[in-house]
Amino acid sequence: MTTASLVAPRSIRQQVLRVIGRRKRLQPHRLRLHFHLSRELCFDLLDVVDIILELESRFHITIPDEVPLVTVGDVVDYVAAATLGFIRR
């Protein structure tokens, strides 16, 4: 877990968890930051791409293809960092 997930505003974290959970009809409160997107949540590439597109639209950010999004925490970290201005857009 990186610093962004530790300081991510609760609203950002909750919104990201809602987007991720909605993809597989999972309750956001059941998602954990250490959950692996493909192993524990059984997301395939299309699922991850759809999540990325929705997050980019919702938060007005760009998530480059080369960003390693392996866990739920990785997604929360990147979105929080980009939204809070830690990552140049």
PDB file of N, CA and C in Angstrom:
ATOM      1  N   MET A   1       0.849  -1.167   0.000  1.00  0.00           N
ATOM      2  CA  MET A   1       0.000   0.000   0.000  1.00  0.00           C
ATOM      3  C   MET A   1       0.895   1.231   0.000  1.00  0.00           C
ATOM      4  N   THR A   2       0.565   2.184  -0.835  1.00  0.00           N
ATOM      5  CA  THR A   2       1.371   3.387  -0.901  1.00  0.00           C
ATOM      6  C   THR A   2       0.746   4.488  -0.071  1.00  0.00           C
ATOM      7  N   THR A   3       1.419   5.609  -0.050  1.00  0.00           N
ATOM      8  CA  THR A   3       0.966   6.732   0.758  1.00  0.00           C
ATOM      9  C   THR A   3      -0.396   7.247   0.320  1.00  0.00           C
ATOM     10  N   ALA A   4      -0.685   7.217  -0.967  1.00  0.00           N
ATOM     11  CA  ALA A   4      -1.948   7.781  -1.458  1.00  0.00           C
ATOM     12  C   ALA A   4      -3.155   7.102  -0.832  1.00  0.00           C
ATOM     13  N   SER A   5      -3.111   5.774  -0.676  1.00  0.00           N
ATOM     14  CA  SER A   5      -4.268   5.091  -0.096  1.00  0.00           C
ATOM     15  C   SER A   5      -4.416   5.428   1.376  1.00  0.00           C
ATOM     16  N   LEU A   6      -3.318   5.785   2.018  1.00  0.00           N
ATOM     17  CA  LEU A   6      -3.382   6.169   3.427  1.00  0.00           C
ATOM     18  C   LEU A   6      -3.968   7.555   3.601  1.00  0.00           C
ATOM     19  N   VAL A   7      -3.773   8.425   2.609  1.00  0.00           N
ATOM     20  CA  VAL A   7      -4.275   9.790   2.714  1.00  0.00           C
ATOM     21  C   VAL A   7      -5.423  10.073   1.759  1.00  0.00           C
ATOM     22  N   ALA A   8      -5.835   9.071   1.011  1.00  0.00           N
ATOM     23  CA  ALA A   8      -6.926   9.259   0.054  1.00  0.00           C
ATOM     24  C   ALA A   8      -8.171   9.694   0.810  1.00  0.00           C
ATOM     25  N   PRO A   9      -8.758  10.782   0.393  1.00  0.00           N
ATOM     26  CA  PRO A   9     -10.014  11.176   1.029  1.00  0.00           C
ATOM     27  C   PRO A   9     -11.012  10.025   0.960  1.00  0.00           C
ATOM     28  N   ARG A  10     -11.756   9.888   2.027  1.00  0.00           N
ATOM     29  CA  ARG A  10     -12.710   8.790   2.113  1.00  0.00           C
ATOM     30  C   ARG A  10     -13.665   8.772   0.926  1.00  0.00           C
ATOM     31  N   SER A  11     -14.067   9.956   0.465  1.00  0.00           N
ATOM     32  CA  SER A  11     -15.016  10.020  -0.653  1.00  0.00           C
ATOM     33  C   SER A  11     -14.416   9.436  -1.930  1.00  0.00           C
ATOM     34  N   ILE A  12     -13.130   9.699  -2.181  1.00  0.00           N
ATOM     35  CA  ILE A  12     -12.478   9.136  -3.367  1.00  0.00           C
ATOM     36  C   ILE A  12     -12.416   7.629  -3.234  1.00  0.00           C
ATOM     37  N   ARG A  13     -11.950   7.148  -2.082  1.00  0.00           N
ATOM     38  CA  ARG A  13     -11.847   5.704  -1.859  1.00  0.00           C
ATOM     39  C   ARG A  13     -13.210   5.026  -2.019  1.00  0.00           C
ATOM     40  N   GLN A  14     -14.241   5.611  -1.444  1.00  0.00           N
ATOM     41  CA  GLN A  14     -15.581   5.025  -1.541  1.00  0.00           C
ATOM     42  C   GLN A  14     -16.080   4.985  -2.980  1.00  0.00           C
ATOM     43  N   GLN A  15     -15.851   6.060  -3.732  1.00  0.00           N
ATOM     44  CA  GLN A  15     -16.296   6.090  -5.124  1.00  0.00           C
ATOM     45  C   GLN A  15     -15.571   5.040  -5.959  1.00  0.00           C
ATOM     46  N   VAL A  16     -14.267   4.908  -5.731  1.00  0.00           N
ATOM     47  CA  VAL A  16     -13.495   3.903  -6.480  1.00  0.00           C
ATOM     48  C   VAL A  16     -13.991   2.497  -6.128  1.00  0.00           C
ATOM     49  N   LEU A  17     -14.220   2.244  -4.856  1.00  0.00           N
ATOM     50  CA  LEU A  17     -14.708   0.928  -4.441  1.00  0.00           C
ATOM     51  C   LEU A  17     -16.086   0.634  -5.029  1.00  0.00           C
ATOM     52  N   ARG A  18     -16.932   1.657  -5.126  1.00  0.00           N
ATOM     53  CA  ARG A  18     -18.254   1.465  -5.739  1.00  0.00           C
ATOM     54  C   ARG A  18     -18.127   1.078  -7.203  1.00  0.00           C
ATOM     55  N   VAL A  19     -17.254   1.768  -7.923  1.00  0.00           N
ATOM     56  CA  VAL A  19     -17.052   1.474  -9.347  1.00  0.00           C
ATOM     57  C   VAL A  19     -16.529   0.050  -9.517  1.00  0.00           C
ATOM     58  N   ILE A  20     -15.535  -0.322  -8.724  1.00  0.00           N
ATOM     59  CA  ILE A  20     -14.972  -1.672  -8.827  1.00  0.00           C
ATOM     60  C   ILE A  20     -16.026  -2.714  -8.454  1.00  0.00           C
ATOM     61  N   GLY A  21     -16.725  -2.499  -7.367  1.00  0.00           N
ATOM     62  CA  GLY A  21     -17.723  -3.461  -6.908  1.00  0.00           C
ATOM     63  C   GLY A  21     -18.868  -3.640  -7.874  1.00  0.00           C
ATOM     64  N   ARG A  22     -19.292  -2.550  -8.500  1.00  0.00           N
ATOM     65  CA  ARG A  22     -20.418  -2.609  -9.430  1.00  0.00           C
ATOM     66  C   ARG A  22     -20.125  -3.543 -10.605  1.00  0.00           C
ATOM     67  N   ARG A  23     -18.861  -3.638 -10.977  1.00  0.00           N
ATOM     68  CA  ARG A  23     -18.496  -4.457 -12.146  1.00  0.00           C
ATOM     69  C   ARG A  23     -18.881  -5.931 -11.953  1.00  0.00           C
ATOM     70  N   LYS A  24     -18.767  -6.428 -10.720  1.00  0.00           N
ATOM     71  CA  LYS A  24     -19.096  -7.834 -10.446  1.00  0.00           C
ATOM     72  C   LYS A  24     -20.194  -7.960  -9.385  1.00  0.00           C
ATOM     73  N   ARG A  25     -20.944  -6.888  -9.206  1.00  0.00           N
ATOM     74  CA  ARG A  25     -22.033  -6.874  -8.224  1.00  0.00           C
ATOM     75  C   ARG A  25     -21.565  -7.260  -6.828  1.00  0.00           C
ATOM     76  N   LEU A  26     -20.452  -6.644  -6.419  1.00  0.00           N
ATOM     77  CA  LEU A  26     -19.893  -6.858  -5.093  1.00  0.00           C
ATOM     78  C   LEU A  26     -20.207  -5.650  -4.219  1.00  0.00           C
ATOM     79  N   GLN A  27     -20.475  -5.894  -2.966  1.00  0.00           N
ATOM     80  CA  GLN A  27     -20.701  -4.797  -2.028  1.00  0.00           C
ATOM     81  C   GLN A  27     -19.361  -4.103  -1.768  1.00  0.00           C
ATOM     82  N   PRO A  28     -19.303  -2.772  -1.920  1.00  0.00           N
ATOM     83  CA  PRO A  28     -18.033  -2.061  -1.722  1.00  0.00           C
ATOM     84  C   PRO A  28     -17.396  -2.322  -0.360  1.00  0.00           C
ATOM     85  N   HIS A  29     -18.195  -2.492   0.678  1.00  0.00           N
ATOM     86  CA  HIS A  29     -17.621  -2.703   2.012  1.00  0.00           C
ATOM     87  C   HIS A  29     -16.941  -4.072   2.149  1.00  0.00           C
ATOM     88  N   ARG A  30     -17.164  -4.961   1.198  1.00  0.00           N
ATOM     89  CA  ARG A  30     -16.504  -6.270   1.226  1.00  0.00           C
ATOM     90  C   ARG A  30     -15.158  -6.265   0.503  1.00  0.00           C
ATOM     91  N   LEU A  31     -14.880  -5.210  -0.245  1.00  0.00           N
ATOM     92  CA  LEU A  31     -13.613  -5.116  -0.973  1.00  0.00           C
ATOM     93  C   LEU A  31     -12.502  -4.686  -0.022  1.00  0.00           C
ATOM     94  N   ARG A  32     -11.347  -5.273  -0.176  1.00  0.00           N
ATOM     95  CA  ARG A  32     -10.171  -4.929   0.612  1.00  0.00           C
ATOM     96  C   ARG A  32      -9.081  -4.446  -0.331  1.00  0.00           C
ATOM     97  N   LEU A  33      -8.273  -3.507   0.154  1.00  0.00           N
ATOM     98  CA  LEU A  33      -7.250  -2.914  -0.699  1.00  0.00           C
ATOM     99  C   LEU A  33      -6.239  -3.941  -1.200  1.00  0.00           C
ATOM    100  N   HIS A  34      -6.014  -5.013  -0.464  1.00  0.00           N
ATOM    101  CA  HIS A  34      -5.025  -6.014  -0.878  1.00  0.00           C
ATOM    102  C   HIS A  34      -5.587  -7.036  -1.867  1.00  0.00           C
ATOM    103  N   PHE A  35      -6.888  -6.994  -2.143  1.00  0.00           N
ATOM    104  CA  PHE A  35      -7.473  -7.963  -3.079  1.00  0.00           C
ATOM    105  C   PHE A  35      -6.870  -7.786  -4.468  1.00  0.00           C
ATOM    106  N   HIS A  36      -6.436  -8.890  -5.040  1.00  0.00           N
ATOM    107  CA  HIS A  36      -5.875  -8.927  -6.382  1.00  0.00           C
ATOM    108  C   HIS A  36      -7.043  -8.915  -7.376  1.00  0.00           C
ATOM    109  N   LEU A  37      -6.998  -8.030  -8.351  1.00  0.00           N
ATOM    110  CA  LEU A  37      -8.112  -7.883  -9.285  1.00  0.00           C
ATOM    111  C   LEU A  37      -8.413  -9.170 -10.056  1.00  0.00           C
ATOM    112  N   SER A  38      -7.383  -9.867 -10.507  1.00  0.00           N
ATOM    113  CA  SER A  38      -7.652 -11.071 -11.304  1.00  0.00           C
ATOM    114  C   SER A  38      -7.771 -12.322 -10.448  1.00  0.00           C
ATOM    115  N   ARG A  39      -6.935 -12.473  -9.436  1.00  0.00           N
ATOM    116  CA  ARG A  39      -6.975 -13.705  -8.635  1.00  0.00           C
ATOM    117  C   ARG A  39      -8.182 -13.756  -7.703  1.00  0.00           C
ATOM    118  N   GLU A  40      -8.319 -12.779  -6.823  1.00  0.00           N
ATOM    119  CA  GLU A  40      -9.401 -12.839  -5.841  1.00  0.00           C
ATOM    120  C   GLU A  40     -10.742 -12.370  -6.382  1.00  0.00           C
ATOM    121  N   LEU A  41     -10.711 -11.412  -7.290  1.00  0.00           N
ATOM    122  CA  LEU A  41     -11.969 -10.857  -7.793  1.00  0.00           C
ATOM    123  C   LEU A  41     -12.358 -11.405  -9.166  1.00  0.00           C
ATOM    124  N   CYS A  42     -11.473 -12.162  -9.790  1.00  0.00           N
ATOM    125  CA  CYS A  42     -11.738 -12.806 -11.092  1.00  0.00           C
ATOM    126  C   CYS A  42     -12.073 -11.805 -12.201  1.00  0.00           C
ATOM    127  N   PHE A  43     -11.437 -10.644 -12.175  1.00  0.00           N
ATOM    128  CA  PHE A  43     -11.615  -9.667 -13.238  1.00  0.00           C
ATOM    129  C   PHE A  43     -10.719 -10.056 -14.405  1.00  0.00           C
ATOM    130  N   ASP A  44     -11.258  -9.929 -15.616  1.00  0.00           N
ATOM    131  CA  ASP A  44     -10.429 -10.124 -16.793  1.00  0.00           C
ATOM    132  C   ASP A  44     -10.026  -8.751 -17.327  1.00  0.00           C
ATOM    133  N   LEU A  45      -9.299  -8.731 -18.411  1.00  0.00           N
ATOM    134  CA  LEU A  45      -8.801  -7.480 -18.970  1.00  0.00           C
ATOM    135  C   LEU A  45      -9.935  -6.525 -19.327  1.00  0.00           C
ATOM    136  N   LEU A  46     -11.013  -7.044 -19.883  1.00  0.00           N
ATOM    137  CA  LEU A  46     -12.155  -6.207 -20.248  1.00  0.00           C
ATOM    138  C   LEU A  46     -12.770  -5.547 -19.008  1.00  0.00           C
ATOM    139  N   ASP A  47     -12.876  -6.290 -17.921  1.00  0.00           N
ATOM    140  CA  ASP A  47     -13.394  -5.723 -16.673  1.00  0.00           C
ATOM    141  C   ASP A  47     -12.531  -4.550 -16.218  1.00  0.00           C
ATOM    142  N   VAL A  48     -11.223  -4.753 -16.237  1.00  0.00           N
ATOM    143  CA  VAL A  48     -10.302  -3.704 -15.783  1.00  0.00           C
ATOM    144  C   VAL A  48     -10.379  -2.491 -16.702  1.00  0.00           C
ATOM    145  N   VAL A  49     -10.448  -2.710 -17.990  1.00  0.00           N
ATOM    146  CA  VAL A  49     -10.554  -1.589 -18.941  1.00  0.00           C
ATOM    147  C   VAL A  49     -11.845  -0.814 -18.701  1.00  0.00           C
ATOM    148  N   ASP A  50     -12.944  -1.502 -18.488  1.00  0.00           N
ATOM    149  CA  ASP A  50     -14.211  -0.815 -18.216  1.00  0.00           C
ATOM    150  C   ASP A  50     -14.145  -0.007 -16.925  1.00  0.00           C
ATOM    151  N   ILE A  51     -13.507  -0.557 -15.904  1.00  0.00           N
ATOM    152  CA  ILE A  51     -13.335   0.165 -14.641  1.00  0.00           C
ATOM    153  C   ILE A  51     -12.494   1.418 -14.871  1.00  0.00           C
ATOM    154  N   ILE A  52     -11.397   1.270 -15.604  1.00  0.00           N
ATOM    155  CA  ILE A  52     -10.517   2.406 -15.888  1.00  0.00           C
ATOM    156  C   ILE A  52     -11.278   3.495 -16.643  1.00  0.00           C
ATOM    157  N   LEU A  53     -12.034   3.118 -17.663  1.00  0.00           N
ATOM    158  CA  LEU A  53     -12.784   4.107 -18.438  1.00  0.00           C
ATOM    159  C   LEU A  53     -13.785   4.854 -17.567  1.00  0.00           C
ATOM    160  N   GLU A  54     -14.472   4.133 -16.682  1.00  0.00           N
ATOM    161  CA  GLU A  54     -15.433   4.795 -15.806  1.00  0.00           C
ATOM    162  C   GLU A  54     -14.735   5.730 -14.817  1.00  0.00           C
ATOM    163  N   LEU A  55     -13.611   5.300 -14.268  1.00  0.00           N
ATOM    164  CA  LEU A  55     -12.873   6.146 -13.326  1.00  0.00           C
ATOM    165  C   LEU A  55     -12.313   7.392 -14.019  1.00  0.00           C
ATOM    166  N   GLU A  56     -11.809   7.218 -15.238  1.00  0.00           N
ATOM    167  CA  GLU A  56     -11.295   8.370 -15.985  1.00  0.00           C
ATOM    168  C   GLU A  56     -12.400   9.390 -16.220  1.00  0.00           C
ATOM    169  N   SER A  57     -13.568   8.922 -16.575  1.00  0.00           N
ATOM    170  CA  SER A  57     -14.695   9.810 -16.824  1.00  0.00           C
ATOM    171  C   SER A  57     -15.175  10.478 -15.539  1.00  0.00           C
ATOM    172  N   ARG A  58     -15.311   9.698 -14.488  1.00  0.00           N
ATOM    173  CA  ARG A  58     -15.839  10.209 -13.224  1.00  0.00           C
ATOM    174  C   ARG A  58     -14.905  11.230 -12.580  1.00  0.00           C
ATOM    175  N   PHE A  59     -13.603  10.973 -12.618  1.00  0.00           N
ATOM    176  CA  PHE A  59     -12.638  11.821 -11.926  1.00  0.00           C
ATOM    177  C   PHE A  59     -11.899  12.790 -12.848  1.00  0.00           C
ATOM    178  N   HIS A  60     -12.188  12.741 -14.142  1.00  0.00           N
ATOM    179  CA  HIS A  60     -11.536  13.617 -15.126  1.00  0.00           C
ATOM    180  C   HIS A  60     -10.015  13.468 -15.072  1.00  0.00           C
ATOM    181  N   ILE A  61      -9.577  12.212 -15.098  1.00  0.00           N
ATOM    182  CA  ILE A  61      -8.150  11.894 -15.076  1.00  0.00           C
ATOM    183  C   ILE A  61      -7.846  10.963 -16.252  1.00  0.00           C
ATOM    184  N   THR A  62      -6.565  10.739 -16.480  1.00  0.00           N
ATOM    185  CA  THR A  62      -6.128   9.769 -17.476  1.00  0.00           C
ATOM    186  C   THR A  62      -5.300   8.717 -16.756  1.00  0.00           C
ATOM    187  N   ILE A  63      -5.597   7.474 -17.017  1.00  0.00           N
ATOM    188  CA  ILE A  63      -4.834   6.365 -16.443  1.00  0.00           C
ATOM    189  C   ILE A  63      -4.119   5.686 -17.607  1.00  0.00           C
ATOM    190  N   PRO A  64      -2.822   5.938 -17.740  1.00  0.00           N
ATOM    191  CA  PRO A  64      -2.070   5.349 -18.857  1.00  0.00           C
ATOM    192  C   PRO A  64      -2.047   3.823 -18.802  1.00  0.00           C
ATOM    193  N   ASP A  65      -1.906   3.218 -19.967  1.00  0.00           N
ATOM    194  CA  ASP A  65      -1.874   1.753 -20.064  1.00  0.00           C
ATOM    195  C   ASP A  65      -0.744   1.136 -19.248  1.00  0.00           C
ATOM    196  N   GLU A  66       0.362   1.862 -19.111  1.00  0.00           N
ATOM    197  CA  GLU A  66       1.524   1.284 -18.437  1.00  0.00           C
ATOM    198  C   GLU A  66       1.452   1.326 -16.909  1.00  0.00           C
ATOM    199  N   VAL A  67       0.401   1.928 -16.350  1.00  0.00           N
ATOM    200  CA  VAL A  67       0.241   1.956 -14.897  1.00  0.00           C
ATOM    201  C   VAL A  67      -0.149   0.556 -14.422  1.00  0.00           C
ATOM    202  N   PRO A  68       0.642  -0.031 -13.512  1.00  0.00           N
ATOM    203  CA  PRO A  68       0.342  -1.386 -13.032  1.00  0.00           C
ATOM    204  C   PRO A  68      -0.788  -1.378 -11.997  1.00  0.00           C
ATOM    205  N   LEU A  69      -1.964  -1.778 -12.415  1.00  0.00           N
ATOM    206  CA  LEU A  69      -3.114  -1.852 -11.520  1.00  0.00           C
ATOM    207  C   LEU A  69      -3.388  -3.331 -11.243  1.00  0.00           C
ATOM    208  N   VAL A  70      -2.820  -3.827 -10.171  1.00  0.00           N
ATOM    209  CA  VAL A  70      -2.911  -5.249  -9.847  1.00  0.00           C
ATOM    210  C   VAL A  70      -3.912  -5.496  -8.728  1.00  0.00           C
ATOM    211  N   THR A  71      -3.939  -4.601  -7.751  1.00  0.00           N
ATOM    212  CA  THR A  71      -4.832  -4.767  -6.602  1.00  0.00           C
ATOM    213  C   THR A  71      -5.839  -3.619  -6.539  1.00  0.00           C
ATOM    214  N   VAL A  72      -6.836  -3.802  -5.704  1.00  0.00           N
ATOM    215  CA  VAL A  72      -7.813  -2.734  -5.456  1.00  0.00           C
ATOM    216  C   VAL A  72      -7.074  -1.504  -4.935  1.00  0.00           C
ATOM    217  N   GLY A  73      -6.106  -1.709  -4.060  1.00  0.00           N
ATOM    218  CA  GLY A  73      -5.317  -0.607  -3.514  1.00  0.00           C
ATOM    219  C   GLY A  73      -4.555   0.162  -4.575  1.00  0.00           C
ATOM    220  N   ASP A  74      -4.046  -0.545  -5.588  1.00  0.00           N
ATOM    221  CA  ASP A  74      -3.347   0.123  -6.693  1.00  0.00           C
ATOM    222  C   ASP A  74      -4.286   1.097  -7.397  1.00  0.00           C
ATOM    223  N   VAL A  75      -5.511   0.684  -7.598  1.00  0.00           N
ATOM    224  CA  VAL A  75      -6.494   1.531  -8.280  1.00  0.00           C
ATOM    225  C   VAL A  75      -6.820   2.744  -7.404  1.00  0.00           C
ATOM    226  N   VAL A  76      -7.092   2.506  -6.130  1.00  0.00           N
ATOM    227  CA  VAL A  76      -7.391   3.600  -5.200  1.00  0.00           C
ATOM    228  C   VAL A  76      -6.215   4.568  -5.144  1.00  0.00           C
ATOM    229  N   ASP A  77      -5.003   4.023  -5.015  1.00  0.00           N
ATOM    230  CA  ASP A  77      -3.798   4.865  -4.938  1.00  0.00           C
ATOM    231  C   ASP A  77      -3.653   5.760  -6.155  1.00  0.00           C
ATOM    232  N   TYR A  78      -3.789   5.168  -7.342  1.00  0.00           N
ATOM    233  CA  TYR A  78      -3.575   5.952  -8.554  1.00  0.00           C
ATOM    234  C   TYR A  78      -4.638   7.032  -8.702  1.00  0.00           C
ATOM    235  N   VAL A  79      -5.895   6.670  -8.498  1.00  0.00           N
ATOM    236  CA  VAL A  79      -6.971   7.649  -8.646  1.00  0.00           C
ATOM    237  C   VAL A  79      -6.818   8.766  -7.621  1.00  0.00           C
ATOM    238  N   ALA A  80      -6.499   8.419  -6.388  1.00  0.00           N
ATOM    239  CA  ALA A  80      -6.316   9.446  -5.354  1.00  0.00           C
ATOM    240  C   ALA A  80      -5.145  10.356  -5.701  1.00  0.00           C
ATOM    241  N   ALA A  81      -4.031   9.777  -6.108  1.00  0.00           N
ATOM    242  CA  ALA A  81      -2.851  10.570  -6.450  1.00  0.00           C
ATOM    243  C   ALA A  81      -3.128  11.488  -7.627  1.00  0.00           C
ATOM    244  N   ALA A  82      -3.793  10.973  -8.646  1.00  0.00           N
ATOM    245  CA  ALA A  82      -4.101  11.795  -9.828  1.00  0.00           C
ATOM    246  C   ALA A  82      -5.105  12.885  -9.483  1.00  0.00           C
ATOM    247  N   THR A  83      -6.093  12.552  -8.687  1.00  0.00           N
ATOM    248  CA  THR A  83      -7.125  13.520  -8.324  1.00  0.00           C
ATOM    249  C   THR A  83      -6.568  14.615  -7.417  1.00  0.00           C
ATOM    250  N   LEU A  84      -5.675  14.233  -6.513  1.00  0.00           N
ATOM    251  CA  LEU A  84      -5.103  15.188  -5.565  1.00  0.00           C
ATOM    252  C   LEU A  84      -3.934  15.961  -6.147  1.00  0.00           C
ATOM    253  N   GLY A  85      -3.550  15.640  -7.393  1.00  0.00           N
ATOM    254  CA  GLY A  85      -2.499  16.388  -8.069  1.00  0.00           C
ATOM    255  C   GLY A  85      -1.093  15.874  -7.844  1.00  0.00           C
ATOM    256  N   PHE A  86      -0.947  14.675  -7.277  1.00  0.00           N
ATOM    257  CA  PHE A  86       0.384  14.094  -7.082  1.00  0.00           C
ATOM    258  C   PHE A  86       0.957  13.557  -8.382  1.00  0.00           C
ATOM    259  N   ILE A  87       0.077  13.322  -9.356  1.00  0.00           N
ATOM    260  CA  ILE A  87       0.505  12.809 -10.662  1.00  0.00           C
ATOM    261  C   ILE A  87       0.140  13.856 -11.700  1.00  0.00           C
ATOM    262  N   ARG A  88       1.097  14.176 -12.526  1.00  0.00           N
ATOM    263  CA  ARG A  88       0.874  15.162 -13.573  1.00  0.00           C
ATOM    264  C   ARG A  88      -0.012  14.559 -14.649  1.00  0.00           C
ATOM    265  N   ARG A  89      -1.009  15.300 -15.076  1.00  0.00           N
ATOM    266  CA  ARG A  89      -1.946  14.808 -16.096  1.00  0.00           C
ATOM    267  C   ARG A  89      -1.519  15.249 -17.471  1.00  0.00           C
TER     268      ARG A  89
END
